[in-house]
Amino acid sequence: NAINVLVGASIKPLQATLKKGVGVVKGFSSQASKIVAGSGGIGGAIAGAIGGISVAAGVKMALDRFRAIETESTRLKSSLKASGDQAGVSAMQVLGFAKNLQAQTGIAVAATTAAASAISKVHNIKGPNFTEAITQSANFAAVMGGDVVSASNQVAQALKNPREGYLELAAAGVMFSDGQIDAIQSMQAAGDIAGAQGVILEALKAQYDGAAEAAGNTLD
């Protein structure tokens, strides 16, 4: 298990380096890269996620971020397994997606991974709808306020039962046309849950797409 290997093989050496106080910053940077990247699989993805942390950012911040990603990755893997891997994505794929989203929006990898865990608890959100739900949750949060995890919980609950869930989003300010409402109702009645979810995600995208990236650029 790549994540378990990380816990035993990476945190302890890094802590030892901190305690010694010798070459702390340089030692962390090189140890983290070698140890985590050498773990393979999810470990490699986590290494990539923290790889952009500059020396000036400080050892404590880097180590805290590493631990947060590691913790959320473990939770995500357990959540995906509990769902019978119905989402159709792996924890490592989500980490790669989260890294890209961080580059675009500034949203922390750990936060996106936690959002993915929230969405994975709704077992009928699968495939392209899974990652699109994360993206549009980030956009929704950027406009409405709050964080991506809370927004993901709200979006996931709407996608769980689209013909009723869209009403909750509408009450929160998401606009649906009569055509979209009819499509959601007819698709779900025909058993096409994924299609109905797609209509909701399209409505979110039409209204909020790019908001998270714009907010991230504003903070730069």
C-alpha atoms as a PDB file:
ATOM      1  CA  ASN A   1       0.000   0.000   0.000  1.00  0.00           C
ATOM      2  CA  ALA A   2       1.738   3.141  -1.262  1.00  0.00           C
ATOM      3  CA  ILE A   3       0.109   5.445   1.274  1.00  0.00           C
ATOM      4  CA  ASN A   4       1.076   3.270   4.245  1.00  0.00           C
ATOM      5  CA  VAL A   5       4.622   3.120   2.938  1.00  0.00           C
ATOM      6  CA  LEU A   6       4.645   6.905   2.892  1.00  0.00           C
ATOM      7  CA  VAL A   7       3.606   7.143   6.530  1.00  0.00           C
ATOM      8  CA  GLY A   8       6.415   4.909   7.735  1.00  0.00           C
ATOM      9  CA  ALA A   9       9.074   5.781   5.218  1.00  0.00           C
ATOM     10  CA  SER A  10       8.750   9.501   4.765  1.00  0.00           C
ATOM     11  CA  ILE A  11       7.440  11.299   7.841  1.00  0.00           C
ATOM     12  CA  LYS A  12       9.945   9.788  10.309  1.00  0.00           C
ATOM     13  CA  PRO A  13      13.084  10.673   8.338  1.00  0.00           C
ATOM     14  CA  LEU A  14      11.765  14.180   7.781  1.00  0.00           C
ATOM     15  CA  GLN A  15      11.019  14.610  11.471  1.00  0.00           C
ATOM     16  CA  ALA A  16      14.509  13.372  12.308  1.00  0.00           C
ATOM     17  CA  THR A  17      15.975  15.961   9.996  1.00  0.00           C
ATOM     18  CA  LEU A  18      13.985  18.694  11.701  1.00  0.00           C
ATOM     19  CA  LYS A  19      15.167  17.610  15.155  1.00  0.00           C
ATOM     20  CA  LYS A  20      18.808  17.618  14.177  1.00  0.00           C
ATOM     21  CA  GLY A  21      18.504  21.161  12.906  1.00  0.00           C
ATOM     22  CA  VAL A  22      21.319  20.604  10.427  1.00  0.00           C
ATOM     23  CA  GLY A  23      20.620  21.690   6.895  1.00  0.00           C
ATOM     24  CA  VAL A  24      16.894  21.659   7.704  1.00  0.00           C
ATOM     25  CA  VAL A  25      15.549  23.390   4.635  1.00  0.00           C
ATOM     26  CA  LYS A  26      17.892  21.749   2.160  1.00  0.00           C
ATOM     27  CA  GLY A  27      17.557  18.362   3.822  1.00  0.00           C
ATOM     28  CA  PHE A  28      13.770  18.430   3.697  1.00  0.00           C
ATOM     29  CA  SER A  29      13.670  19.427   0.062  1.00  0.00           C
ATOM     30  CA  SER A  30      15.942  16.613  -1.083  1.00  0.00           C
ATOM     31  CA  GLN A  31      14.555  13.956   1.286  1.00  0.00           C
ATOM     32  CA  ALA A  32      10.951  14.669   0.389  1.00  0.00           C
ATOM     33  CA  SER A  33      11.670  14.433  -3.309  1.00  0.00           C
ATOM     34  CA  LYS A  34      13.683  11.222  -3.090  1.00  0.00           C
ATOM     35  CA  ILE A  35      11.638   9.373  -0.468  1.00  0.00           C
ATOM     36  CA  VAL A  36       8.194  10.256  -1.723  1.00  0.00           C
ATOM     37  CA  ALA A  37       8.968   9.940  -5.423  1.00  0.00           C
ATOM     38  CA  GLY A  38      10.617   6.588  -4.748  1.00  0.00           C
ATOM     39  CA  SER A  39       7.426   5.220  -3.204  1.00  0.00           C
ATOM     40  CA  GLY A  40       5.766   4.990  -6.616  1.00  0.00           C
ATOM     41  CA  GLY A  41       2.040   5.144  -7.348  1.00  0.00           C
ATOM     42  CA  ILE A  42       0.223   7.522  -5.049  1.00  0.00           C
ATOM     43  CA  GLY A  43       3.519   8.416  -3.396  1.00  0.00           C
ATOM     44  CA  GLY A  44       4.802   9.765  -6.675  1.00  0.00           C
ATOM     45  CA  ALA A  45       1.649  11.795  -7.157  1.00  0.00           C
ATOM     46  CA  ILE A  46       2.016  13.322  -3.688  1.00  0.00           C
ATOM     47  CA  ALA A  47       5.641  14.140  -4.443  1.00  0.00           C
ATOM     48  CA  GLY A  48       4.497  16.021  -7.505  1.00  0.00           C
ATOM     49  CA  ALA A  49       1.876  17.862  -5.507  1.00  0.00           C
ATOM     50  CA  ILE A  50       4.410  19.243  -3.019  1.00  0.00           C
ATOM     51  CA  GLY A  51       7.223  19.622  -5.516  1.00  0.00           C
ATOM     52  CA  GLY A  52       6.445  23.254  -6.222  1.00  0.00           C
ATOM     53  CA  ILE A  53       6.975  24.402  -2.636  1.00  0.00           C
ATOM     54  CA  SER A  54       9.908  26.814  -2.559  1.00  0.00           C
ATOM     55  CA  VAL A  55      12.655  26.729   0.040  1.00  0.00           C
ATOM     56  CA  ALA A  56      11.483  30.143   1.230  1.00  0.00           C
ATOM     57  CA  ALA A  57       8.062  28.692   2.037  1.00  0.00           C
ATOM     58  CA  GLY A  58       9.642  26.963   5.003  1.00  0.00           C
ATOM     59  CA  VAL A  59      10.015  23.424   6.218  1.00  0.00           C
ATOM     60  CA  LYS A  60       7.003  23.440   8.544  1.00  0.00           C
ATOM     61  CA  MET A  61       4.616  24.565   5.833  1.00  0.00           C
ATOM     62  CA  ALA A  62       5.941  21.939   3.439  1.00  0.00           C
ATOM     63  CA  LEU A  63       5.741  19.163   6.005  1.00  0.00           C
ATOM     64  CA  ASP A  64       2.213  20.180   7.074  1.00  0.00           C
ATOM     65  CA  ARG A  65       1.106  20.204   3.446  1.00  0.00           C
ATOM     66  CA  PHE A  66       2.676  16.810   2.854  1.00  0.00           C
ATOM     67  CA  ARG A  67       0.856  15.342   5.847  1.00  0.00           C
ATOM     68  CA  ALA A  68      -2.471  16.884   4.798  1.00  0.00           C
ATOM     69  CA  ILE A  69      -2.223  15.402   1.302  1.00  0.00           C
ATOM     70  CA  GLU A  70      -1.211  12.052   2.720  1.00  0.00           C
ATOM     71  CA  THR A  71      -4.140  12.029   5.179  1.00  0.00           C
ATOM     72  CA  GLU A  72      -6.740  13.025   2.589  1.00  0.00           C
ATOM     73  CA  SER A  73      -5.333  10.530   0.078  1.00  0.00           C
ATOM     74  CA  THR A  74      -5.774   7.726   2.596  1.00  0.00           C
ATOM     75  CA  ARG A  75      -9.360   8.810   3.271  1.00  0.00           C
ATOM     76  CA  LEU A  76     -10.123   9.026  -0.430  1.00  0.00           C
ATOM     77  CA  LYS A  77      -8.724   5.590  -1.139  1.00  0.00           C
ATOM     78  CA  SER A  78     -10.860   4.116   1.670  1.00  0.00           C
ATOM     79  CA  SER A  79     -13.954   5.945   0.445  1.00  0.00           C
ATOM     80  CA  LEU A  80     -13.484   4.776  -3.137  1.00  0.00           C
ATOM     81  CA  LYS A  81     -12.979   1.216  -1.946  1.00  0.00           C
ATOM     82  CA  ALA A  82     -16.107   1.373   0.237  1.00  0.00           C
ATOM     83  CA  SER A  83     -18.119   2.380  -2.820  1.00  0.00           C
ATOM     84  CA  GLY A  84     -16.843  -0.637  -4.731  1.00  0.00           C
ATOM     85  CA  ASP A  85     -14.758   1.697  -6.902  1.00  0.00           C
ATOM     86  CA  GLN A  86     -17.938   2.708  -8.714  1.00  0.00           C
ATOM     87  CA  ALA A  87     -16.591   6.206  -9.394  1.00  0.00           C
ATOM     88  CA  GLY A  88     -14.330   4.787 -12.076  1.00  0.00           C
ATOM     89  CA  VAL A  89     -11.321   6.823 -10.939  1.00  0.00           C
ATOM     90  CA  SER A  90      -8.374   5.915  -8.728  1.00  0.00           C
ATOM     91  CA  ALA A  91      -6.943   7.903  -5.840  1.00  0.00           C
ATOM     92  CA  MET A  92      -3.800   8.480  -7.879  1.00  0.00           C
ATOM     93  CA  GLN A  93      -5.829   9.889 -10.782  1.00  0.00           C
ATOM     94  CA  VAL A  94      -7.616  12.231  -8.399  1.00  0.00           C
ATOM     95  CA  LEU A  95      -4.279  13.441  -7.024  1.00  0.00           C
ATOM     96  CA  GLY A  96      -3.118  14.236 -10.546  1.00  0.00           C
ATOM     97  CA  PHE A  97      -6.361  16.089 -11.199  1.00  0.00           C
ATOM     98  CA  ALA A  98      -5.989  17.948  -7.884  1.00  0.00           C
ATOM     99  CA  LYS A  99      -2.460  19.011  -8.754  1.00  0.00           C
ATOM    100  CA  ASN A 100      -3.640  20.474 -12.057  1.00  0.00           C
ATOM    101  CA  LEU A 101      -6.536  22.240 -10.352  1.00  0.00           C
ATOM    102  CA  GLN A 102      -4.138  23.728  -7.811  1.00  0.00           C
ATOM    103  CA  ALA A 103      -1.980  25.099 -10.627  1.00  0.00           C
ATOM    104  CA  GLN A 104      -5.037  26.726 -12.199  1.00  0.00           C
ATOM    105  CA  THR A 105      -6.886  27.967  -9.120  1.00  0.00           C
ATOM    106  CA  GLY A 106      -4.577  27.839  -6.102  1.00  0.00           C
ATOM    107  CA  ILE A 107      -6.923  25.411  -4.323  1.00  0.00           C
ATOM    108  CA  ALA A 108      -4.787  23.101  -2.176  1.00  0.00           C
ATOM    109  CA  VAL A 109      -4.358  19.512  -3.326  1.00  0.00           C
ATOM    110  CA  ALA A 110      -5.516  18.268   0.077  1.00  0.00           C
ATOM    111  CA  ALA A 111      -8.742  20.311  -0.169  1.00  0.00           C
ATOM    112  CA  THR A 112      -9.556  18.956  -3.630  1.00  0.00           C
ATOM    113  CA  THR A 113      -8.822  15.423  -2.463  1.00  0.00           C
ATOM    114  CA  ALA A 114     -11.172  15.921   0.493  1.00  0.00           C
ATOM    115  CA  ALA A 115     -13.814  17.204  -1.929  1.00  0.00           C
ATOM    116  CA  ALA A 116     -13.371  14.061  -4.003  1.00  0.00           C
ATOM    117  CA  SER A 117     -13.940  11.957  -0.875  1.00  0.00           C
ATOM    118  CA  ALA A 118     -17.212  13.808  -0.251  1.00  0.00           C
ATOM    119  CA  ILE A 119     -18.378  13.206  -3.811  1.00  0.00           C
ATOM    120  CA  SER A 120     -17.349   9.548  -3.746  1.00  0.00           C
ATOM    121  CA  LYS A 121     -19.825   8.923  -0.930  1.00  0.00           C
ATOM    122  CA  VAL A 122     -22.608   9.384  -3.507  1.00  0.00           C
ATOM    123  CA  HIS A 123     -22.139   6.146  -5.358  1.00  0.00           C
ATOM    124  CA  ASN A 124     -23.947   7.031  -8.562  1.00  0.00           C
ATOM    125  CA  ILE A 125     -21.551   9.857  -9.527  1.00  0.00           C
ATOM    126  CA  LYS A 126     -19.177   8.218 -11.972  1.00  0.00           C
ATOM    127  CA  GLY A 127     -16.664   8.747 -14.739  1.00  0.00           C
ATOM    128  CA  PRO A 128     -16.469  12.232 -16.294  1.00  0.00           C
ATOM    129  CA  ASN A 129     -19.259  13.455 -14.005  1.00  0.00           C
ATOM    130  CA  PHE A 130     -17.031  12.746 -10.990  1.00  0.00           C
ATOM    131  CA  THR A 131     -14.208  15.126 -11.861  1.00  0.00           C
ATOM    132  CA  GLU A 132     -16.592  17.649 -13.420  1.00  0.00           C
ATOM    133  CA  ALA A 133     -18.471  17.724 -10.116  1.00  0.00           C
ATOM    134  CA  ILE A 134     -15.246  18.692  -8.344  1.00  0.00           C
ATOM    135  CA  THR A 135     -14.448  21.399 -10.903  1.00  0.00           C
ATOM    136  CA  GLN A 136     -17.901  22.948 -10.775  1.00  0.00           C
ATOM    137  CA  SER A 137     -17.971  22.705  -6.975  1.00  0.00           C
ATOM    138  CA  ALA A 138     -14.783  24.781  -6.926  1.00  0.00           C
ATOM    139  CA  ASN A 139     -16.383  27.357  -9.223  1.00  0.00           C
ATOM    140  CA  PHE A 140     -19.594  27.358  -7.184  1.00  0.00           C
ATOM    141  CA  ALA A 141     -17.635  27.923  -3.962  1.00  0.00           C
ATOM    142  CA  ALA A 142     -15.660  30.782  -5.528  1.00  0.00           C
ATOM    143  CA  VAL A 143     -18.862  32.666  -6.362  1.00  0.00           C
ATOM    144  CA  MET A 144     -21.054  31.745  -3.414  1.00  0.00           C
ATOM    145  CA  GLY A 145     -18.384  31.755  -0.742  1.00  0.00           C
ATOM    146  CA  GLY A 146     -17.311  28.887   1.449  1.00  0.00           C
ATOM    147  CA  ASP A 147     -14.846  26.152   0.636  1.00  0.00           C
ATOM    148  CA  VAL A 148     -14.630  23.491  -2.049  1.00  0.00           C
ATOM    149  CA  VAL A 149     -15.407  20.640   0.358  1.00  0.00           C
ATOM    150  CA  SER A 150     -18.681  22.201   1.536  1.00  0.00           C
ATOM    151  CA  ALA A 151     -19.632  23.029  -2.040  1.00  0.00           C
ATOM    152  CA  SER A 152     -18.830  19.465  -3.119  1.00  0.00           C
ATOM    153  CA  ASN A 153     -21.140  18.095  -0.454  1.00  0.00           C
ATOM    154  CA  GLN A 154     -23.933  20.347  -1.715  1.00  0.00           C
ATOM    155  CA  VAL A 155     -23.366  19.492  -5.383  1.00  0.00           C
ATOM    156  CA  ALA A 156     -23.034  15.769  -4.650  1.00  0.00           C
ATOM    157  CA  GLN A 157     -26.357  15.701  -2.821  1.00  0.00           C
ATOM    158  CA  ALA A 158     -28.013  17.425  -5.761  1.00  0.00           C
ATOM    159  CA  LEU A 159     -26.529  14.877  -8.166  1.00  0.00           C
ATOM    160  CA  LYS A 160     -27.640  11.970  -5.997  1.00  0.00           C
ATOM    161  CA  ASN A 161     -31.262  12.516  -7.017  1.00  0.00           C
ATOM    162  CA  PRO A 162     -31.208  15.053  -9.880  1.00  0.00           C
ATOM    163  CA  ARG A 163     -34.953  15.623 -10.312  1.00  0.00           C
ATOM    164  CA  GLU A 164     -35.189  16.817  -6.713  1.00  0.00           C
ATOM    165  CA  GLY A 165     -31.605  17.900  -6.160  1.00  0.00           C
ATOM    166  CA  TYR A 166     -31.649  20.631  -8.791  1.00  0.00           C
ATOM    167  CA  LEU A 167     -34.256  22.435  -6.655  1.00  0.00           C
ATOM    168  CA  GLU A 168     -31.751  22.770  -3.821  1.00  0.00           C
ATOM    169  CA  LEU A 169     -29.200  24.301  -6.162  1.00  0.00           C
ATOM    170  CA  ALA A 170     -31.858  26.568  -7.662  1.00  0.00           C
ATOM    171  CA  ALA A 171     -32.657  27.804  -4.158  1.00  0.00           C
ATOM    172  CA  ALA A 172     -28.946  28.590  -3.744  1.00  0.00           C
ATOM    173  CA  GLY A 173     -28.934  30.696  -6.896  1.00  0.00           C
ATOM    174  CA  VAL A 174     -28.183  28.283  -9.744  1.00  0.00           C
ATOM    175  CA  MET A 175     -30.367  29.045 -12.763  1.00  0.00           C
ATOM    176  CA  PHE A 176     -32.048  26.260 -14.752  1.00  0.00           C
ATOM    177  CA  SER A 177     -33.991  26.792 -17.968  1.00  0.00           C
ATOM    178  CA  ASP A 178     -37.334  25.092 -18.543  1.00  0.00           C
ATOM    179  CA  GLY A 179     -35.610  22.896 -21.116  1.00  0.00           C
ATOM    180  CA  GLN A 180     -32.976  21.805 -18.624  1.00  0.00           C
ATOM    181  CA  ILE A 181     -35.599  21.024 -15.999  1.00  0.00           C
ATOM    182  CA  ASP A 182     -37.574  18.944 -18.501  1.00  0.00           C
ATOM    183  CA  ALA A 183     -34.388  17.124 -19.534  1.00  0.00           C
ATOM    184  CA  ILE A 184     -33.488  16.318 -15.916  1.00  0.00           C
ATOM    185  CA  GLN A 185     -36.972  14.956 -15.226  1.00  0.00           C
ATOM    186  CA  SER A 186     -37.239  12.889 -18.413  1.00  0.00           C
ATOM    187  CA  MET A 187     -33.711  11.476 -18.226  1.00  0.00           C
ATOM    188  CA  GLN A 188     -34.094  10.338 -14.633  1.00  0.00           C
ATOM    189  CA  ALA A 189     -37.530   8.862 -15.412  1.00  0.00           C
ATOM    190  CA  ALA A 190     -35.878   6.857 -18.188  1.00  0.00           C
ATOM    191  CA  GLY A 191     -33.174   5.644 -15.811  1.00  0.00           C
ATOM    192  CA  ASP A 192     -30.434   7.855 -17.244  1.00  0.00           C
ATOM    193  CA  ILE A 193     -29.123   9.242 -13.965  1.00  0.00           C
ATOM    194  CA  ALA A 194     -25.746  10.142 -15.458  1.00  0.00           C
ATOM    195  CA  GLY A 195     -27.451  12.139 -18.178  1.00  0.00           C
ATOM    196  CA  ALA A 196     -29.588  14.008 -15.650  1.00  0.00           C
ATOM    197  CA  GLN A 197     -26.479  14.725 -13.587  1.00  0.00           C
ATOM    198  CA  GLY A 198     -24.800  16.026 -16.709  1.00  0.00           C
ATOM    199  CA  VAL A 199     -27.569  18.577 -17.233  1.00  0.00           C
ATOM    200  CA  ILE A 200     -27.078  19.898 -13.701  1.00  0.00           C
ATOM    201  CA  LEU A 201     -23.321  20.101 -14.197  1.00  0.00           C
ATOM    202  CA  GLU A 202     -23.818  21.928 -17.492  1.00  0.00           C
ATOM    203  CA  ALA A 203     -26.040  24.455 -15.722  1.00  0.00           C
ATOM    204  CA  LEU A 204     -23.327  25.031 -13.121  1.00  0.00           C
ATOM    205  CA  LYS A 205     -20.683  25.317 -15.822  1.00  0.00           C
ATOM    206  CA  ALA A 206     -22.704  27.801 -17.877  1.00  0.00           C
ATOM    207  CA  GLN A 207     -23.123  30.068 -14.871  1.00  0.00           C
ATOM    208  CA  TYR A 208     -19.878  29.699 -12.925  1.00  0.00           C
ATOM    209  CA  ASP A 209     -17.185  28.189 -15.165  1.00  0.00           C
ATOM    210  CA  GLY A 210     -13.804  29.838 -14.642  1.00  0.00           C
ATOM    211  CA  ALA A 211     -14.758  31.485 -11.355  1.00  0.00           C
ATOM    212  CA  ALA A 212     -12.274  29.473  -9.265  1.00  0.00           C
ATOM    213  CA  GLU A 213      -9.419  30.247 -11.646  1.00  0.00           C
ATOM    214  CA  ALA A 214     -10.320  33.938 -11.665  1.00  0.00           C
ATOM    215  CA  ALA A 215     -10.422  33.970  -7.868  1.00  0.00           C
ATOM    216  CA  GLY A 216      -7.023  32.257  -7.736  1.00  0.00           C
ATOM    217  CA  ASN A 217      -5.525  34.839 -10.078  1.00  0.00           C
ATOM    218  CA  THR A 218      -6.962  37.643  -7.956  1.00  0.00           C
ATOM    219  CA  LEU A 219      -5.137  36.282  -4.936  1.00  0.00           C
ATOM    220  CA  ASP A 220      -1.786  36.080  -6.739  1.00  0.00           C
END
